[in-house]
């Protein structure tokens, strides 16, 4: 079981509504198309930057002295959103995107 002092960074930023409105307005003014997508299981694809162990789920047989080491993030893991944001930010910077102001 993960103890509260072991969570590490759990913060992940969100966009302000004003920034989203500005992007929509700019796209409309320039005649651009906007796309939105919802990625299923996005938190389950993030790499973990620290060692995290968990007890096996019910029905999974392991000796009492063994546990499971996570290689990827899980939905109910406190760090999931922060880990996803770190991976997304790194990818976007690698492809030449730049962050704007407070968002």
N, C-alpha and C. Protein backbone atom coordinates (compact mmCIF):
# COMPACT_ATOMS: atom_id res chain seq x y z
N UNK A 1 0.84 -1.19 0.00
CA UNK A 1 0.00 0.00 0.00
C UNK A 1 0.88 1.24 0.00
N UNK A 2 0.53 2.18 -0.82
CA UNK A 2 1.30 3.41 -0.94
C UNK A 2 0.89 4.36 0.18
N UNK A 3 1.87 4.83 0.92
CA UNK A 3 1.60 5.75 2.01
C UNK A 3 1.57 7.18 1.49
N UNK A 4 0.78 8.06 2.12
CA UNK A 4 0.65 9.44 1.62
C UNK A 4 1.98 10.17 1.45
N UNK A 5 2.95 9.95 2.29
CA UNK A 5 4.23 10.65 2.16
C UNK A 5 5.07 10.09 1.02
N UNK A 6 4.63 9.01 0.40
CA UNK A 6 5.37 8.40 -0.71
C UNK A 6 4.81 8.79 -2.08
N UNK A 7 3.78 9.62 -2.12
CA UNK A 7 3.13 9.95 -3.38
C UNK A 7 4.02 10.75 -4.32
N UNK A 8 4.88 11.60 -3.77
CA UNK A 8 5.71 12.44 -4.64
C UNK A 8 4.86 13.50 -5.30
N UNK A 9 5.18 13.83 -6.54
CA UNK A 9 4.46 14.87 -7.27
C UNK A 9 3.14 14.33 -7.79
N UNK A 10 2.03 14.92 -7.38
CA UNK A 10 0.72 14.51 -7.87
C UNK A 10 0.02 15.63 -8.64
N UNK A 11 0.70 16.77 -8.78
CA UNK A 11 0.10 17.92 -9.45
C UNK A 11 0.22 17.80 -10.96
N UNK A 12 -0.86 18.07 -11.65
CA UNK A 12 -0.81 18.18 -13.10
C UNK A 12 -1.66 19.39 -13.50
N UNK A 13 -1.10 20.29 -14.29
CA UNK A 13 -1.81 21.53 -14.62
C UNK A 13 -2.98 21.30 -15.56
N UNK A 14 -3.89 22.24 -15.54
CA UNK A 14 -5.01 22.23 -16.48
C UNK A 14 -5.05 23.59 -17.17
N UNK A 15 -5.67 23.62 -18.32
CA UNK A 15 -5.76 24.88 -19.07
C UNK A 15 -6.85 25.76 -18.48
N UNK A 16 -6.60 27.05 -18.55
CA UNK A 16 -7.63 27.99 -18.14
C UNK A 16 -8.65 28.11 -19.25
N UNK A 17 -9.89 28.36 -18.86
CA UNK A 17 -10.97 28.47 -19.84
C UNK A 17 -10.69 29.62 -20.81
N UNK A 18 -10.09 30.70 -20.32
CA UNK A 18 -9.78 31.84 -21.18
C UNK A 18 -8.79 31.44 -22.28
N UNK A 19 -7.83 30.60 -21.96
CA UNK A 19 -6.86 30.14 -22.96
C UNK A 19 -7.54 29.28 -24.02
N UNK A 20 -8.44 28.41 -23.59
CA UNK A 20 -9.16 27.55 -24.53
C UNK A 20 -10.04 28.41 -25.44
N UNK A 21 -10.74 29.38 -24.88
CA UNK A 21 -11.58 30.29 -25.69
C UNK A 21 -10.74 31.06 -26.69
N UNK A 22 -9.56 31.49 -26.28
CA UNK A 22 -8.68 32.24 -27.18
C UNK A 22 -8.24 31.38 -28.36
N UNK A 23 -7.87 30.15 -28.09
CA UNK A 23 -7.47 29.23 -29.17
C UNK A 23 -8.63 28.98 -30.13
N UNK A 24 -9.83 28.79 -29.58
CA UNK A 24 -11.01 28.56 -30.43
C UNK A 24 -11.28 29.79 -31.29
N UNK A 25 -11.19 30.97 -30.68
CA UNK A 25 -11.44 32.21 -31.43
C UNK A 25 -10.41 32.40 -32.54
N UNK A 26 -9.14 32.14 -32.24
CA UNK A 26 -8.08 32.29 -33.25
C UNK A 26 -8.28 31.31 -34.39
N UNK A 27 -8.66 30.08 -34.07
CA UNK A 27 -8.90 29.07 -35.11
C UNK A 27 -10.08 29.48 -35.98
N UNK A 28 -11.14 30.01 -35.37
CA UNK A 28 -12.31 30.44 -36.14
C UNK A 28 -11.95 31.61 -37.06
N UNK A 29 -11.18 32.55 -36.54
CA UNK A 29 -10.79 33.72 -37.32
C UNK A 29 -9.93 33.34 -38.52
N UNK A 30 -9.08 32.35 -38.35
CA UNK A 30 -8.18 31.92 -39.42
C UNK A 30 -8.77 30.81 -40.30
N UNK A 31 -10.01 30.38 -39.99
CA UNK A 31 -10.66 29.33 -40.78
C UNK A 31 -10.03 27.97 -40.59
N UNK A 32 -9.45 27.72 -39.43
CA UNK A 32 -8.78 26.45 -39.15
C UNK A 32 -9.76 25.45 -38.56
N UNK A 33 -9.47 24.18 -38.72
CA UNK A 33 -10.25 23.12 -38.10
C UNK A 33 -9.65 22.78 -36.74
N UNK A 34 -10.51 22.51 -35.77
CA UNK A 34 -10.06 22.07 -34.45
C UNK A 34 -10.52 20.63 -34.24
N UNK A 35 -9.70 19.86 -33.59
CA UNK A 35 -10.03 18.48 -33.29
C UNK A 35 -9.85 18.23 -31.80
N UNK A 36 -10.69 17.38 -31.28
CA UNK A 36 -10.61 17.01 -29.87
C UNK A 36 -10.71 15.49 -29.82
N UNK A 37 -9.93 14.89 -28.96
CA UNK A 37 -10.00 13.45 -28.81
C UNK A 37 -9.88 13.08 -27.35
N UNK A 38 -10.48 11.97 -27.02
CA UNK A 38 -10.42 11.43 -25.67
C UNK A 38 -9.65 10.12 -25.76
N UNK A 39 -8.55 10.05 -25.08
CA UNK A 39 -7.69 8.87 -25.17
C UNK A 39 -8.07 7.90 -24.05
N UNK A 40 -8.54 6.73 -24.43
CA UNK A 40 -8.91 5.71 -23.45
C UNK A 40 -7.65 5.13 -22.81
N UNK A 41 -7.64 5.02 -21.52
CA UNK A 41 -6.53 4.39 -20.82
C UNK A 41 -5.25 5.19 -20.82
N UNK A 42 -5.35 6.51 -20.97
CA UNK A 42 -4.15 7.34 -21.09
C UNK A 42 -3.26 7.23 -19.86
N UNK A 43 -3.83 7.10 -18.68
CA UNK A 43 -3.02 7.02 -17.47
C UNK A 43 -2.26 5.70 -17.38
N UNK A 44 -2.73 4.70 -18.10
CA UNK A 44 -2.07 3.39 -18.05
C UNK A 44 -0.88 3.29 -18.98
N UNK A 45 -0.57 4.34 -19.71
CA UNK A 45 0.55 4.29 -20.65
C UNK A 45 1.75 5.10 -20.18
N UNK A 46 1.62 5.80 -19.08
CA UNK A 46 2.70 6.67 -18.61
C UNK A 46 3.80 5.86 -17.92
N UNK A 47 5.03 6.19 -18.28
CA UNK A 47 6.17 5.56 -17.61
C UNK A 47 6.27 6.08 -16.19
N UNK A 48 6.78 5.24 -15.30
CA UNK A 48 6.93 5.62 -13.90
C UNK A 48 8.38 6.01 -13.66
N UNK A 49 8.60 7.11 -12.96
CA UNK A 49 9.96 7.61 -12.72
C UNK A 49 10.49 7.24 -11.33
N UNK A 50 9.82 6.37 -10.62
CA UNK A 50 10.25 5.91 -9.31
C UNK A 50 9.79 4.47 -9.11
N UNK A 51 10.33 3.80 -8.13
CA UNK A 51 9.91 2.42 -7.87
C UNK A 51 8.63 2.42 -7.06
N UNK A 52 7.60 1.75 -7.59
CA UNK A 52 6.33 1.62 -6.88
C UNK A 52 5.95 0.14 -6.89
N UNK A 53 5.63 -0.36 -5.71
CA UNK A 53 5.23 -1.75 -5.55
C UNK A 53 3.79 -1.79 -5.07
N UNK A 54 3.09 -2.87 -5.42
CA UNK A 54 1.70 -3.00 -4.98
C UNK A 54 1.41 -4.45 -4.62
N UNK A 55 0.37 -4.61 -3.83
CA UNK A 55 -0.10 -5.95 -3.52
C UNK A 55 -0.86 -6.47 -4.72
N UNK A 56 -0.83 -7.78 -4.96
CA UNK A 56 -1.54 -8.32 -6.12
C UNK A 56 -3.05 -8.16 -5.97
N UNK A 57 -3.77 -8.00 -7.09
CA UNK A 57 -5.22 -7.88 -7.01
C UNK A 57 -5.86 -9.19 -6.55
N UNK A 58 -7.07 -9.10 -6.07
CA UNK A 58 -7.80 -10.28 -5.61
C UNK A 58 -7.89 -11.31 -6.73
N UNK A 59 -7.58 -12.55 -6.40
CA UNK A 59 -7.64 -13.62 -7.37
C UNK A 59 -6.31 -13.92 -8.05
N UNK A 60 -5.31 -13.06 -7.86
CA UNK A 60 -3.99 -13.27 -8.43
C UNK A 60 -3.12 -13.92 -7.36
N UNK A 61 -2.68 -15.13 -7.63
CA UNK A 61 -1.97 -15.91 -6.61
C UNK A 61 -0.47 -15.61 -6.62
N UNK A 62 0.01 -15.12 -5.49
CA UNK A 62 1.43 -14.90 -5.25
C UNK A 62 1.72 -15.32 -3.82
N UNK A 63 2.90 -15.82 -3.55
CA UNK A 63 3.25 -16.10 -2.16
C UNK A 63 3.17 -14.82 -1.32
N UNK A 64 2.89 -14.95 -0.04
CA UNK A 64 2.71 -13.80 0.85
C UNK A 64 3.90 -12.85 0.86
N UNK A 65 5.10 -13.36 0.64
CA UNK A 65 6.29 -12.53 0.73
C UNK A 65 6.61 -11.79 -0.56
N UNK A 66 5.81 -11.99 -1.61
CA UNK A 66 6.06 -11.32 -2.89
C UNK A 66 5.04 -10.20 -3.13
N UNK A 67 5.45 -9.23 -3.95
CA UNK A 67 4.56 -8.16 -4.37
C UNK A 67 4.86 -7.85 -5.84
N UNK A 68 4.13 -6.92 -6.42
CA UNK A 68 4.30 -6.58 -7.83
C UNK A 68 4.96 -5.21 -7.98
N UNK A 69 5.92 -5.10 -8.89
CA UNK A 69 6.56 -3.83 -9.18
C UNK A 69 5.91 -3.26 -10.44
N UNK A 70 5.42 -2.03 -10.36
CA UNK A 70 4.76 -1.41 -11.50
C UNK A 70 5.77 -0.92 -12.52
N UNK A 71 5.48 -1.18 -13.80
CA UNK A 71 6.30 -0.66 -14.89
C UNK A 71 5.62 0.53 -15.54
N UNK A 72 4.29 0.59 -15.46
CA UNK A 72 3.49 1.67 -16.02
C UNK A 72 2.53 2.16 -14.95
N UNK A 73 2.01 3.34 -15.17
CA UNK A 73 1.08 3.94 -14.23
C UNK A 73 -0.27 3.22 -14.25
N UNK A 74 -1.04 3.39 -13.20
CA UNK A 74 -2.39 2.84 -13.09
C UNK A 74 -3.39 3.96 -12.85
N UNK A 75 -4.67 3.69 -13.12
CA UNK A 75 -5.71 4.70 -12.93
C UNK A 75 -5.78 5.24 -11.51
N UNK A 76 -5.76 4.38 -10.53
CA UNK A 76 -5.98 4.83 -9.16
C UNK A 76 -4.70 5.23 -8.44
N UNK A 77 -3.63 5.30 -9.16
CA UNK A 77 -2.36 5.73 -8.59
C UNK A 77 -2.39 7.25 -8.47
N UNK A 78 -2.01 7.77 -7.31
CA UNK A 78 -2.07 9.21 -7.07
C UNK A 78 -1.24 10.00 -8.08
N UNK A 79 -0.14 9.46 -8.55
CA UNK A 79 0.75 10.17 -9.45
C UNK A 79 0.36 10.07 -10.92
N UNK A 80 -0.70 9.34 -11.25
CA UNK A 80 -1.03 9.06 -12.65
C UNK A 80 -1.13 10.29 -13.52
N UNK A 81 -1.89 11.28 -13.08
CA UNK A 81 -2.06 12.46 -13.93
C UNK A 81 -0.76 13.25 -14.06
N UNK A 82 0.02 13.34 -12.99
CA UNK A 82 1.29 14.05 -13.06
C UNK A 82 2.27 13.33 -13.99
N UNK A 83 2.31 11.99 -13.92
CA UNK A 83 3.20 11.22 -14.80
C UNK A 83 2.80 11.38 -16.26
N UNK A 84 1.48 11.36 -16.53
CA UNK A 84 1.03 11.55 -17.91
C UNK A 84 1.42 12.93 -18.40
N UNK A 85 1.23 13.95 -17.57
CA UNK A 85 1.57 15.31 -17.99
C UNK A 85 3.07 15.43 -18.28
N UNK A 86 3.91 14.84 -17.45
CA UNK A 86 5.36 14.90 -17.68
C UNK A 86 5.72 14.26 -19.02
N UNK A 87 5.12 13.11 -19.33
CA UNK A 87 5.39 12.44 -20.60
C UNK A 87 4.88 13.26 -21.78
N UNK A 88 3.67 13.83 -21.65
CA UNK A 88 3.10 14.64 -22.72
C UNK A 88 3.94 15.90 -22.94
N UNK A 89 4.33 16.56 -21.86
CA UNK A 89 5.14 17.77 -21.97
C UNK A 89 6.47 17.48 -22.66
N UNK A 90 7.12 16.40 -22.27
CA UNK A 90 8.40 16.02 -22.89
C UNK A 90 8.21 15.76 -24.39
N UNK A 91 7.15 15.05 -24.75
CA UNK A 91 6.88 14.75 -26.15
C UNK A 91 6.64 16.04 -26.93
N UNK A 92 5.83 16.94 -26.38
CA UNK A 92 5.51 18.19 -27.08
C UNK A 92 6.75 19.07 -27.25
N UNK A 93 7.59 19.13 -26.24
CA UNK A 93 8.82 19.91 -26.36
C UNK A 93 9.77 19.30 -27.40
N UNK A 94 9.83 17.97 -27.43
CA UNK A 94 10.67 17.28 -28.42
C UNK A 94 10.23 17.58 -29.85
N UNK A 95 8.93 17.80 -30.04
CA UNK A 95 8.40 18.07 -31.37
C UNK A 95 8.29 19.55 -31.68
N UNK A 96 8.90 20.39 -30.84
CA UNK A 96 8.99 21.81 -31.15
C UNK A 96 7.87 22.69 -30.63
N UNK A 97 6.94 22.15 -29.85
CA UNK A 97 5.90 22.97 -29.26
C UNK A 97 6.50 23.80 -28.13
N UNK A 98 5.92 24.96 -27.88
CA UNK A 98 6.38 25.78 -26.76
C UNK A 98 5.20 26.14 -25.88
N UNK A 99 5.39 26.12 -24.57
CA UNK A 99 4.28 26.48 -23.66
C UNK A 99 3.99 27.98 -23.73
N UNK A 100 2.73 28.33 -23.47
CA UNK A 100 2.35 29.74 -23.47
C UNK A 100 2.02 30.18 -22.05
N UNK A 101 2.59 31.27 -21.66
CA UNK A 101 2.30 31.92 -20.39
C UNK A 101 2.01 30.99 -19.22
N UNK A 102 0.91 31.24 -18.53
CA UNK A 102 0.61 30.46 -17.33
C UNK A 102 0.03 29.08 -17.60
N UNK A 103 -0.32 28.75 -18.85
CA UNK A 103 -0.94 27.45 -19.12
C UNK A 103 0.06 26.37 -19.42
